[in-house]
Protein backbone atom coordinates (compact mmCIF):
# COMPACT_ATOMS: atom_id res chain seq x y z
CA UNK A 1 3.22 -25.74 0.66
CA UNK A 2 0.63 -27.78 2.44
CA UNK A 3 -1.57 -30.71 1.35
CA UNK A 4 -4.03 -28.40 -0.43
CA UNK A 5 -1.33 -27.35 -2.91
CA UNK A 6 -1.59 -23.75 -1.73
CA UNK A 7 1.36 -22.01 -0.13
CA UNK A 8 1.38 -21.93 3.66
CA UNK A 9 -0.17 -18.85 5.23
CA UNK A 10 2.50 -16.18 5.66
CA UNK A 11 2.08 -14.49 9.01
CA UNK A 12 3.20 -10.95 9.78
CA UNK A 13 5.11 -10.24 12.99
CA UNK A 14 1.99 -9.89 15.17
CA UNK A 15 3.80 -9.19 18.43
CA UNK A 16 6.08 -6.63 16.80
CA UNK A 17 3.01 -4.89 15.34
CA UNK A 18 1.24 -4.89 18.71
CA UNK A 19 4.33 -3.53 20.44
CA UNK A 20 4.66 -0.74 17.87
CA UNK A 21 0.94 0.06 18.20
CA UNK A 22 1.43 0.71 21.90
CA UNK A 23 -1.73 2.10 23.49
CA UNK A 24 -3.51 2.66 20.16
CA UNK A 25 -6.59 0.47 20.63
CA UNK A 26 -7.69 0.79 17.00
CA UNK A 27 -4.29 -0.36 15.76
CA UNK A 28 -4.25 -3.30 18.16
CA UNK A 29 -7.78 -4.24 17.10
CA UNK A 30 -6.69 -4.17 13.45
CA UNK A 31 -3.73 -6.46 14.19
CA UNK A 32 -6.08 -8.83 16.02
CA UNK A 33 -8.54 -8.80 13.11
CA UNK A 34 -5.80 -9.59 10.60
CA UNK A 35 -4.51 -12.40 12.80
CA UNK A 36 -8.01 -13.87 13.16
CA UNK A 37 -8.57 -13.72 9.42
CA UNK A 38 -5.24 -15.39 8.63
CA UNK A 39 -5.97 -18.14 11.16
CA UNK A 40 -9.48 -18.82 9.87
CA UNK A 41 -10.08 -21.99 7.91
CA UNK A 42 -10.64 -20.11 4.67
CA UNK A 43 -9.12 -16.63 4.81
CA UNK A 44 -10.87 -14.10 2.59
CA UNK A 45 -8.29 -12.32 0.40
CA UNK A 46 -10.44 -9.15 0.31
CA UNK A 47 -10.65 -9.08 4.11
CA UNK A 48 -6.89 -9.64 4.41
CA UNK A 49 -6.28 -6.76 2.02
CA UNK A 50 -8.73 -4.55 3.94
CA UNK A 51 -7.04 -5.24 7.29
CA UNK A 52 -3.63 -4.69 5.71
CA UNK A 53 -4.72 -1.37 4.22
CA UNK A 54 -6.04 -0.25 7.59
CA UNK A 55 -2.72 -1.14 9.24
CA UNK A 56 -0.76 0.63 6.49
CA UNK A 57 -2.68 3.81 7.28
CA UNK A 58 -1.22 3.85 10.80
CA UNK A 59 2.18 5.58 10.56
CA UNK A 60 3.98 3.51 13.22
CA UNK A 61 2.85 0.28 11.55
CA UNK A 62 3.07 1.20 7.88
CA UNK A 63 6.61 0.01 7.18
CA UNK A 64 6.25 -3.20 9.19
CA UNK A 65 3.02 -4.30 7.53
CA UNK A 66 4.23 -3.13 4.09
CA UNK A 67 7.31 -5.34 4.40
CA UNK A 68 5.07 -8.32 5.10
CA UNK A 69 2.48 -7.48 2.43
CA UNK A 70 5.09 -6.84 -0.27
CA UNK A 71 7.01 -10.04 0.50
CA UNK A 72 6.87 -12.43 -2.51
CA UNK A 73 5.64 -15.28 -0.27
CA UNK A 74 2.68 -13.19 0.88
CA UNK A 75 1.86 -12.15 -2.67
CA UNK A 76 2.04 -15.78 -3.90
CA UNK A 77 -0.31 -16.81 -1.10
CA UNK A 78 -2.82 -14.04 -1.90
CA UNK A 79 -2.66 -14.96 -5.60
CA UNK A 80 -3.25 -18.63 -4.79
CA UNK A 81 -6.28 -17.72 -2.67
CA UNK A 82 -7.65 -15.39 -5.32
CA UNK A 83 -7.06 -17.90 -8.12
CA UNK A 84 -8.81 -20.61 -6.11
CA UNK A 85 -11.83 -18.36 -5.71
CA UNK A 86 -11.78 -18.52 -1.92
């Protein structure tokens, strides 16, 4: 937890996702968009979910991003954001 009382931002394995994406520019762009959203001052839970859904639709990334998204720490963080109305 941080000073705001919210859980710390859980980050997916960005470099692993980029490596798995290989030369797929759309996949790499989606990883970059998710990373930018998670590093923003006030991440939008809807945008995080949208980027995650896009990444889950890419077969080589689906399992990696699903493991991150389904992790209890990630779900607690999303719930905290949603409950806070951010």
